[in-house]
């Protein structure tokens, strides 16, 4: 079973390889004109599969 490590701190949850989560949050906050992509639940589940490659 694959185990993925996440950390929770004052910035919320972050993947263990994220060295500076506050810098990421600051950068996101500085770009308010950029919307998040509206992924569907199905798209996220498919993208989470091992060896997933998006097809055009």
PDB file of N, CA and C in Angstrom:
ATOM      1  N   UNK A   1       0.834  -1.189   0.000  1.00  0.00           N
ATOM      2  CA  UNK A   1       0.000   0.000   0.000  1.00  0.00           C
ATOM      3  C   UNK A   1       0.872   1.243   0.000  1.00  0.00           C
ATOM      4  N   UNK A   2       0.535   2.178  -0.862  1.00  0.00           N
ATOM      5  CA  UNK A   2       1.270   3.427  -0.980  1.00  0.00           C
ATOM      6  C   UNK A   2       0.884   4.360   0.162  1.00  0.00           C
ATOM      7  N   UNK A   3       1.882   4.875   0.850  1.00  0.00           N
ATOM      8  CA  UNK A   3       1.625   5.832   1.924  1.00  0.00           C
ATOM      9  C   UNK A   3       2.158   7.193   1.497  1.00  0.00           C
ATOM     10  N   UNK A   4       1.309   8.195   1.560  1.00  0.00           N
ATOM     11  CA  UNK A   4       1.685   9.549   1.197  1.00  0.00           C
ATOM     12  C   UNK A   4       1.717  10.376   2.470  1.00  0.00           C
ATOM     13  N   UNK A   5       2.801  11.112   2.651  1.00  0.00           N
ATOM     14  CA  UNK A   5       2.963  11.903   3.865  1.00  0.00           C
ATOM     15  C   UNK A   5       2.521  13.342   3.638  1.00  0.00           C
ATOM     16  N   UNK A   6       1.662  13.795   4.525  1.00  0.00           N
ATOM     17  CA  UNK A   6       1.213  15.181   4.536  1.00  0.00           C
ATOM     18  C   UNK A   6       1.506  15.748   5.912  1.00  0.00           C
ATOM     19  N   UNK A   7       1.718  17.043   5.948  1.00  0.00           N
ATOM     20  CA  UNK A   7       1.923  17.721   7.210  1.00  0.00           C
ATOM     21  C   UNK A   7       0.822  18.753   7.407  1.00  0.00           C
ATOM     22  N   UNK A   8       0.433  18.935   8.637  1.00  0.00           N
ATOM     23  CA  UNK A   8      -0.535  19.973   8.989  1.00  0.00           C
ATOM     24  C   UNK A   8       0.164  20.950   9.931  1.00  0.00           C
ATOM     25  N   UNK A   9       0.085  22.214   9.595  1.00  0.00           N
ATOM     26  CA  UNK A   9       0.663  23.250  10.450  1.00  0.00           C
ATOM     27  C   UNK A   9      -0.199  24.503  10.346  1.00  0.00           C
ATOM     28  N   UNK A  10       0.333  25.646  10.738  1.00  0.00           N
ATOM     29  CA  UNK A  10      -0.453  26.876  10.726  1.00  0.00           C
ATOM     30  C   UNK A  10      -0.863  27.304   9.322  1.00  0.00           C
ATOM     31  N   UNK A  11      -0.278  26.702   8.285  1.00  0.00           N
ATOM     32  CA  UNK A  11      -0.608  27.041   6.909  1.00  0.00           C
ATOM     33  C   UNK A  11      -1.633  26.087   6.308  1.00  0.00           C
ATOM     34  N   UNK A  12      -2.028  25.063   7.035  1.00  0.00           N
ATOM     35  CA  UNK A  12      -2.963  24.060   6.533  1.00  0.00           C
ATOM     36  C   UNK A  12      -2.227  22.760   6.264  1.00  0.00           C
ATOM     37  N   UNK A  13      -2.690  22.002   5.283  1.00  0.00           N
ATOM     38  CA  UNK A  13      -2.055  20.735   4.932  1.00  0.00           C
ATOM     39  C   UNK A  13      -1.104  20.950   3.767  1.00  0.00           C
ATOM     40  N   UNK A  14       0.023  20.256   3.792  1.00  0.00           N
ATOM     41  CA  UNK A  14       0.950  20.328   2.671  1.00  0.00           C
ATOM     42  C   UNK A  14       1.646  18.984   2.493  1.00  0.00           C
ATOM     43  N   UNK A  15       2.028  18.715   1.245  1.00  0.00           N
ATOM     44  CA  UNK A  15       2.774  17.509   0.913  1.00  0.00           C
ATOM     45  C   UNK A  15       4.141  17.605   1.576  1.00  0.00           C
ATOM     46  N   UNK A  16       4.713  16.481   1.956  1.00  0.00           N
ATOM     47  CA  UNK A  16       5.959  16.492   2.734  1.00  0.00           C
ATOM     48  C   UNK A  16       7.125  17.122   1.997  1.00  0.00           C
ATOM     49  N   UNK A  17       7.106  17.151   0.660  1.00  0.00           N
ATOM     50  CA  UNK A  17       8.219  17.727  -0.099  1.00  0.00           C
ATOM     51  C   UNK A  17       8.137  19.254  -0.225  1.00  0.00           C
ATOM     52  N   UNK A  18       7.031  19.845   0.212  1.00  0.00           N
ATOM     53  CA  UNK A  18       6.888  21.303   0.140  1.00  0.00           C
ATOM     54  C   UNK A  18       7.741  21.909   1.245  1.00  0.00           C
ATOM     55  N   UNK A  19       8.796  22.614   0.838  1.00  0.00           N
ATOM     56  CA  UNK A  19       9.742  23.159   1.813  1.00  0.00           C
ATOM     57  C   UNK A  19       9.253  24.447   2.475  1.00  0.00           C
ATOM     58  N   UNK A  20       8.467  25.238   1.741  1.00  0.00           N
ATOM     59  CA  UNK A  20       8.056  26.533   2.263  1.00  0.00           C
ATOM     60  C   UNK A  20       6.589  26.801   1.913  1.00  0.00           C
ATOM     61  N   UNK A  21       5.658  26.187   2.647  1.00  0.00           N
ATOM     62  CA  UNK A  21       4.247  26.369   2.305  1.00  0.00           C
ATOM     63  C   UNK A  21       3.771  27.815   2.409  1.00  0.00           C
ATOM     64  N   UNK A  22       4.365  28.603   3.270  1.00  0.00           N
ATOM     65  CA  UNK A  22       3.940  30.007   3.387  1.00  0.00           C
ATOM     66  C   UNK A  22       4.270  30.782   2.111  1.00  0.00           C
ATOM     67  N   UNK A  23       5.363  30.447   1.438  1.00  0.00           N
ATOM     68  CA  UNK A  23       5.721  31.115   0.185  1.00  0.00           C
ATOM     69  C   UNK A  23       4.710  30.780  -0.905  1.00  0.00           C
ATOM     70  N   UNK A  24       4.232  29.549  -0.924  1.00  0.00           N
ATOM     71  CA  UNK A  24       3.233  29.148  -1.911  1.00  0.00           C
ATOM     72  C   UNK A  24       1.929  29.895  -1.663  1.00  0.00           C
ATOM     73  N   UNK A  25       1.507  29.967  -0.406  1.00  0.00           N
ATOM     74  CA  UNK A  25       0.278  30.690  -0.081  1.00  0.00           C
ATOM     75  C   UNK A  25       0.393  32.174  -0.421  1.00  0.00           C
ATOM     76  N   UNK A  26       1.554  32.755  -0.169  1.00  0.00           N
ATOM     77  CA  UNK A  26       1.779  34.163  -0.476  1.00  0.00           C
ATOM     78  C   UNK A  26       1.698  34.392  -1.988  1.00  0.00           C
ATOM     79  N   UNK A  27       2.296  33.497  -2.767  1.00  0.00           N
ATOM     80  CA  UNK A  27       2.263  33.620  -4.224  1.00  0.00           C
ATOM     81  C   UNK A  27       0.839  33.473  -4.755  1.00  0.00           C
ATOM     82  N   UNK A  28       0.095  32.514  -4.210  1.00  0.00           N
ATOM     83  CA  UNK A  28      -1.297  32.332  -4.625  1.00  0.00           C
ATOM     84  C   UNK A  28      -2.114  33.586  -4.312  1.00  0.00           C
ATOM     85  N   UNK A  29      -1.902  34.158  -3.140  1.00  0.00           N
ATOM     86  CA  UNK A  29      -2.641  35.350  -2.732  1.00  0.00           C
ATOM     87  C   UNK A  29      -2.311  36.548  -3.622  1.00  0.00           C
ATOM     88  N   UNK A  30      -1.099  36.592  -4.178  1.00  0.00           N
ATOM     89  CA  UNK A  30      -0.703  37.715  -5.024  1.00  0.00           C
ATOM     90  C   UNK A  30      -1.289  37.620  -6.428  1.00  0.00           C
ATOM     91  N   UNK A  31      -1.870  36.467  -6.761  1.00  0.00           N
ATOM     92  CA  UNK A  31      -2.416  36.264  -8.113  1.00  0.00           C
ATOM     93  C   UNK A  31      -3.924  36.010  -8.056  1.00  0.00           C
ATOM     94  N   UNK A  32      -4.633  36.933  -7.493  1.00  0.00           N
ATOM     95  CA  UNK A  32      -6.082  36.756  -7.323  1.00  0.00           C
ATOM     96  C   UNK A  32      -6.842  36.723  -8.636  1.00  0.00           C
ATOM     97  N   UNK A  33      -6.227  37.228  -9.713  1.00  0.00           N
ATOM     98  CA  UNK A  33      -6.905  37.225 -11.010  1.00  0.00           C
ATOM     99  C   UNK A  33      -6.901  35.844 -11.679  1.00  0.00           C
ATOM    100  N   UNK A  34      -6.143  34.903 -11.144  1.00  0.00           N
ATOM    101  CA  UNK A  34      -6.071  33.553 -11.706  1.00  0.00           C
ATOM    102  C   UNK A  34      -7.030  32.645 -10.938  1.00  0.00           C
ATOM    103  N   UNK A  35      -7.993  32.081 -11.649  1.00  0.00           N
ATOM    104  CA  UNK A  35      -8.954  31.183 -11.027  1.00  0.00           C
ATOM    105  C   UNK A  35      -8.397  29.762 -10.955  1.00  0.00           C
ATOM    106  N   UNK A  36      -8.903  29.009  -9.998  1.00  0.00           N
ATOM    107  CA  UNK A  36      -8.562  27.597  -9.937  1.00  0.00           C
ATOM    108  C   UNK A  36      -9.267  26.884 -11.079  1.00  0.00           C
ATOM    109  N   UNK A  37      -8.638  25.862 -11.634  1.00  0.00           N
ATOM    110  CA  UNK A  37      -9.275  25.092 -12.697  1.00  0.00           C
ATOM    111  C   UNK A  37     -10.414  24.278 -12.091  1.00  0.00           C
ATOM    112  N   UNK A  38     -11.588  24.262 -12.708  1.00  0.00           N
ATOM    113  CA  UNK A  38     -12.741  23.554 -12.127  1.00  0.00           C
ATOM    114  C   UNK A  38     -12.728  22.049 -12.437  1.00  0.00           C
ATOM    115  N   UNK A  39     -11.805  21.324 -11.819  1.00  0.00           N
ATOM    116  CA  UNK A  39     -11.738  19.875 -12.024  1.00  0.00           C
ATOM    117  C   UNK A  39     -13.011  19.214 -11.502  1.00  0.00           C
ATOM    118  N   UNK A  40     -13.415  18.135 -12.174  1.00  0.00           N
ATOM    119  CA  UNK A  40     -14.524  17.338 -11.669  1.00  0.00           C
ATOM    120  C   UNK A  40     -13.951  16.270 -10.737  1.00  0.00           C
ATOM    121  N   UNK A  41     -14.786  15.703  -9.919  1.00  0.00           N
ATOM    122  CA  UNK A  41     -14.347  14.629  -9.029  1.00  0.00           C
ATOM    123  C   UNK A  41     -13.794  13.464  -9.850  1.00  0.00           C
ATOM    124  N   UNK A  42     -14.450  13.142 -10.964  1.00  0.00           N
ATOM    125  CA  UNK A  42     -14.006  12.048 -11.832  1.00  0.00           C
ATOM    126  C   UNK A  42     -12.596  12.313 -12.365  1.00  0.00           C
ATOM    127  N   UNK A  43     -12.324  13.552 -12.799  1.00  0.00           N
ATOM    128  CA  UNK A  43     -10.998  13.898 -13.315  1.00  0.00           C
ATOM    129  C   UNK A  43      -9.921  13.727 -12.241  1.00  0.00           C
ATOM    130  N   UNK A  44     -10.213  14.137 -11.032  1.00  0.00           N
ATOM    131  CA  UNK A  44      -9.234  14.029  -9.952  1.00  0.00           C
ATOM    132  C   UNK A  44      -8.968  12.579  -9.588  1.00  0.00           C
ATOM    133  N   UNK A  45     -10.008  11.764  -9.571  1.00  0.00           N
ATOM    134  CA  UNK A  45      -9.832  10.346  -9.263  1.00  0.00           C
ATOM    135  C   UNK A  45      -9.007   9.671 -10.348  1.00  0.00           C
ATOM    136  N   UNK A  46      -9.308   9.972 -11.611  1.00  0.00           N
ATOM    137  CA  UNK A  46      -8.542   9.387 -12.719  1.00  0.00           C
ATOM    138  C   UNK A  46      -7.078   9.822 -12.660  1.00  0.00           C
ATOM    139  N   UNK A  47      -6.832  11.085 -12.378  1.00  0.00           N
ATOM    140  CA  UNK A  47      -5.461  11.600 -12.330  1.00  0.00           C
ATOM    141  C   UNK A  47      -4.669  11.023 -11.165  1.00  0.00           C
ATOM    142  N   UNK A  48      -5.350  10.500 -10.170  1.00  0.00           N
ATOM    143  CA  UNK A  48      -4.669   9.910  -9.021  1.00  0.00           C
ATOM    144  C   UNK A  48      -4.221   8.475  -9.240  1.00  0.00           C
ATOM    145  N   UNK A  49      -4.587   7.894 -10.381  1.00  0.00           N
ATOM    146  CA  UNK A  49      -4.189   6.520 -10.669  1.00  0.00           C
ATOM    147  C   UNK A  49      -2.698   6.439 -10.961  1.00  0.00           C
ATOM    148  N   UNK A  50      -2.094   5.325 -10.590  1.00  0.00           N
ATOM    149  CA  UNK A  50      -0.681   5.084 -10.869  1.00  0.00           C
ATOM    150  C   UNK A  50      -0.447   5.105 -12.375  1.00  0.00           C
ATOM    151  N   UNK A  51       0.611   5.765 -12.803  1.00  0.00           N
ATOM    152  CA  UNK A  51       1.016   5.852 -14.220  1.00  0.00           C
ATOM    153  C   UNK A  51      -0.019   6.549 -15.096  1.00  0.00           C
ATOM    154  N   UNK A  52      -0.815   7.440 -14.522  1.00  0.00           N
ATOM    155  CA  UNK A  52      -1.822   8.177 -15.294  1.00  0.00           C
ATOM    156  C   UNK A  52      -1.148   9.127 -16.262  1.00  0.00           C
ATOM    157  N   UNK A  53      -1.634   9.147 -17.509  1.00  0.00           N
ATOM    158  CA  UNK A  53      -1.176  10.107 -18.520  1.00  0.00           C
ATOM    159  C   UNK A  53      -2.422  10.689 -19.161  1.00  0.00           C
ATOM    160  N   UNK A  54      -2.528  12.017 -19.126  1.00  0.00           N
ATOM    161  CA  UNK A  54      -3.703  12.673 -19.702  1.00  0.00           C
ATOM    162  C   UNK A  54      -3.667  12.562 -21.220  1.00  0.00           C
ATOM    163  N   UNK A  55      -4.788  12.179 -21.788  1.00  0.00           N
ATOM    164  CA  UNK A  55      -4.914  12.078 -23.233  1.00  0.00           C
ATOM    165  C   UNK A  55      -5.662  13.286 -23.751  1.00  0.00           C
ATOM    166  N   UNK A  56      -5.190  13.872 -24.872  1.00  0.00           N
ATOM    167  CA  UNK A  56      -5.874  15.059 -25.425  1.00  0.00           C
ATOM    168  C   UNK A  56      -7.251  14.731 -25.959  1.00  0.00           C
TER     169      UNK A  56
END
